Amino acid sequence: MNEEIVGIIVLLALGTLTSILVHYLMSKRTLAVVLSALLGSLLFQFLVYLNQGHLDPFILITFVTSFFIIVLISWLVSIPFSKHRRETTD
């Protein structure tokens, strides 16, 4: 596997894990989506920094791109959480 594929896998896994954790802890859907995207993007940038030893020269572009990818992941993760919360309150 080359570096790009590993980076995509790490981003998807990190986005999914942070989304699950934040949606488990928070009940407000939009706030949880935004917060998990921020946390996931920051953690991804930190892992890139640890891997490369320096900040990426395109850090703003990668931050915005990873933010929107994790927003999509987090929105998909929020569907079962909101469905479960609706069923338990009824």
C-alpha atoms as a PDB file:
ATOM      1  CA  MET A   1       0.000   0.000   0.000  1.00  0.00           C
ATOM      2  CA  ASN A   2       1.245   3.437  -0.811  1.00  0.00           C
ATOM      3  CA  GLU A   3       1.129   6.461   1.487  1.00  0.00           C
ATOM      4  CA  GLU A   4      -1.970   8.019  -0.052  1.00  0.00           C
ATOM      5  CA  ILE A   5      -4.116   4.930   0.515  1.00  0.00           C
ATOM      6  CA  VAL A   6      -2.927   4.652   4.112  1.00  0.00           C
ATOM      7  CA  GLY A   7      -3.791   8.323   4.669  1.00  0.00           C
ATOM      8  CA  ILE A   8      -7.304   7.836   3.296  1.00  0.00           C
ATOM      9  CA  ILE A   9      -7.847   4.753   5.455  1.00  0.00           C
ATOM     10  CA  VAL A  10      -6.612   6.613   8.547  1.00  0.00           C
ATOM     11  CA  LEU A  11      -8.887   9.575   7.771  1.00  0.00           C
ATOM     12  CA  LEU A  12     -11.942   7.348   7.310  1.00  0.00           C
ATOM     13  CA  ALA A  13     -11.221   5.330  10.455  1.00  0.00           C
ATOM     14  CA  LEU A  14     -10.503   8.417  12.541  1.00  0.00           C
ATOM     15  CA  GLY A  15     -13.603  10.156  11.242  1.00  0.00           C
ATOM     16  CA  THR A  16     -15.783   7.166  12.006  1.00  0.00           C
ATOM     17  CA  LEU A  17     -14.386   6.689  15.507  1.00  0.00           C
ATOM     18  CA  THR A  18     -14.660  10.344  16.493  1.00  0.00           C
ATOM     19  CA  SER A  19     -18.174  10.511  15.063  1.00  0.00           C
ATOM     20  CA  ILE A  20     -19.327   7.479  17.010  1.00  0.00           C
ATOM     21  CA  LEU A  21     -17.779   8.791  20.220  1.00  0.00           C
ATOM     22  CA  VAL A  22     -19.196  12.306  19.913  1.00  0.00           C
ATOM     23  CA  HIS A  23     -22.663  11.108  18.885  1.00  0.00           C
ATOM     24  CA  TYR A  24     -22.662   8.714  21.819  1.00  0.00           C
ATOM     25  CA  LEU A  25     -21.872  11.559  24.218  1.00  0.00           C
ATOM     26  CA  MET A  26     -24.038  14.317  22.704  1.00  0.00           C
ATOM     27  CA  SER A  27     -27.700  14.296  21.816  1.00  0.00           C
ATOM     28  CA  LYS A  28     -27.846  17.409  19.617  1.00  0.00           C
ATOM     29  CA  ARG A  29     -27.273  16.193  16.084  1.00  0.00           C
ATOM     30  CA  THR A  30     -25.894  19.291  14.344  1.00  0.00           C
ATOM     31  CA  LEU A  31     -23.567  20.181  17.195  1.00  0.00           C
ATOM     32  CA  ALA A  32     -22.290  16.600  17.318  1.00  0.00           C
ATOM     33  CA  VAL A  33     -21.650  16.592  13.554  1.00  0.00           C
ATOM     34  CA  VAL A  34     -19.663  19.833  13.665  1.00  0.00           C
ATOM     35  CA  LEU A  35     -17.765  18.925  16.831  1.00  0.00           C
ATOM     36  CA  SER A  36     -16.795  15.480  15.568  1.00  0.00           C
ATOM     37  CA  ALA A  37     -15.617  16.997  12.278  1.00  0.00           C
ATOM     38  CA  LEU A  38     -13.481  19.546  14.109  1.00  0.00           C
ATOM     39  CA  LEU A  39     -11.998  16.960  16.461  1.00  0.00           C
ATOM     40  CA  GLY A  40     -11.404  14.462  13.676  1.00  0.00           C
ATOM     41  CA  SER A  41      -9.747  17.041  11.423  1.00  0.00           C
ATOM     42  CA  LEU A  42      -7.498  18.288  14.204  1.00  0.00           C
ATOM     43  CA  LEU A  43      -6.508  14.754  15.190  1.00  0.00           C
ATOM     44  CA  PHE A  44      -5.808  13.893  11.561  1.00  0.00           C
ATOM     45  CA  GLN A  45      -3.561  16.938  11.181  1.00  0.00           C
ATOM     46  CA  PHE A  46      -1.759  16.003  14.399  1.00  0.00           C
ATOM     47  CA  LEU A  47      -1.176  12.471  13.100  1.00  0.00           C
ATOM     48  CA  VAL A  48       0.146  13.872   9.816  1.00  0.00           C
ATOM     49  CA  TYR A  49       2.507  16.074  11.820  1.00  0.00           C
ATOM     50  CA  LEU A  50       3.720  13.080  13.844  1.00  0.00           C
ATOM     51  CA  ASN A  51       4.227  11.051  10.667  1.00  0.00           C
ATOM     52  CA  GLN A  52       6.071  13.721   8.673  1.00  0.00           C
ATOM     53  CA  GLY A  53       7.887  15.492  11.495  1.00  0.00           C
ATOM     54  CA  HIS A  54       6.768  18.914  10.257  1.00  0.00           C
ATOM     55  CA  LEU A  55       3.566  20.694   9.345  1.00  0.00           C
ATOM     56  CA  ASP A  56       2.172  19.986   5.918  1.00  0.00           C
ATOM     57  CA  PRO A  57       2.635  22.992   3.603  1.00  0.00           C
ATOM     58  CA  PHE A  58      -0.991  22.573   2.471  1.00  0.00           C
ATOM     59  CA  ILE A  59      -2.402  22.303   6.006  1.00  0.00           C
ATOM     60  CA  LEU A  60      -5.344  24.637   5.338  1.00  0.00           C
ATOM     61  CA  ILE A  61      -6.432  22.713   2.261  1.00  0.00           C
ATOM     62  CA  THR A  62      -6.112  19.347   3.979  1.00  0.00           C
ATOM     63  CA  PHE A  63      -7.899  20.641   7.085  1.00  0.00           C
ATOM     64  CA  VAL A  64     -10.889  21.913   5.102  1.00  0.00           C
ATOM     65  CA  THR A  65     -11.012  18.783   2.953  1.00  0.00           C
ATOM     66  CA  SER A  66     -10.819  16.424   5.917  1.00  0.00           C
ATOM     67  CA  PHE A  67     -13.415  18.547   7.752  1.00  0.00           C
ATOM     68  CA  PHE A  68     -15.976  18.138   4.969  1.00  0.00           C
ATOM     69  CA  ILE A  69     -15.238  14.425   4.567  1.00  0.00           C
ATOM     70  CA  ILE A  70     -15.733  13.879   8.302  1.00  0.00           C
ATOM     71  CA  VAL A  71     -18.924  15.976   8.233  1.00  0.00           C
ATOM     72  CA  LEU A  72     -20.301  13.511   5.689  1.00  0.00           C
ATOM     73  CA  ILE A  73     -19.163  10.532   7.773  1.00  0.00           C
ATOM     74  CA  SER A  74     -20.565  12.060  10.944  1.00  0.00           C
ATOM     75  CA  TRP A  75     -23.900  12.801   9.318  1.00  0.00           C
ATOM     76  CA  LEU A  76     -24.140   9.155   8.213  1.00  0.00           C
ATOM     77  CA  VAL A  77     -23.198   7.979  11.710  1.00  0.00           C
ATOM     78  CA  SER A  78     -25.832  10.260  13.249  1.00  0.00           C
ATOM     79  CA  ILE A  79     -28.721   8.510  11.471  1.00  0.00           C
ATOM     80  CA  PRO A  80     -28.780   5.358  13.637  1.00  0.00           C
ATOM     81  CA  PHE A  81     -28.120   7.378  16.798  1.00  0.00           C
ATOM     82  CA  SER A  82     -31.041   9.725  16.211  1.00  0.00           C
ATOM     83  CA  LYS A  83     -33.288   6.818  15.218  1.00  0.00           C
ATOM     84  CA  HIS A  84     -32.379   4.972  18.431  1.00  0.00           C
ATOM     85  CA  ARG A  85     -32.955   8.076  20.567  1.00  0.00           C
ATOM     86  CA  ARG A  86     -36.336   8.644  18.940  1.00  0.00           C
ATOM     87  CA  GLU A  87     -37.382   5.039  19.627  1.00  0.00           C
ATOM     88  CA  THR A  88     -36.307   5.133  23.281  1.00  0.00           C
ATOM     89  CA  THR A  89     -38.117   8.396  24.047  1.00  0.00           C
ATOM     90  CA  ASP A  90     -41.413   7.201  22.549  1.00  0.00           C
END
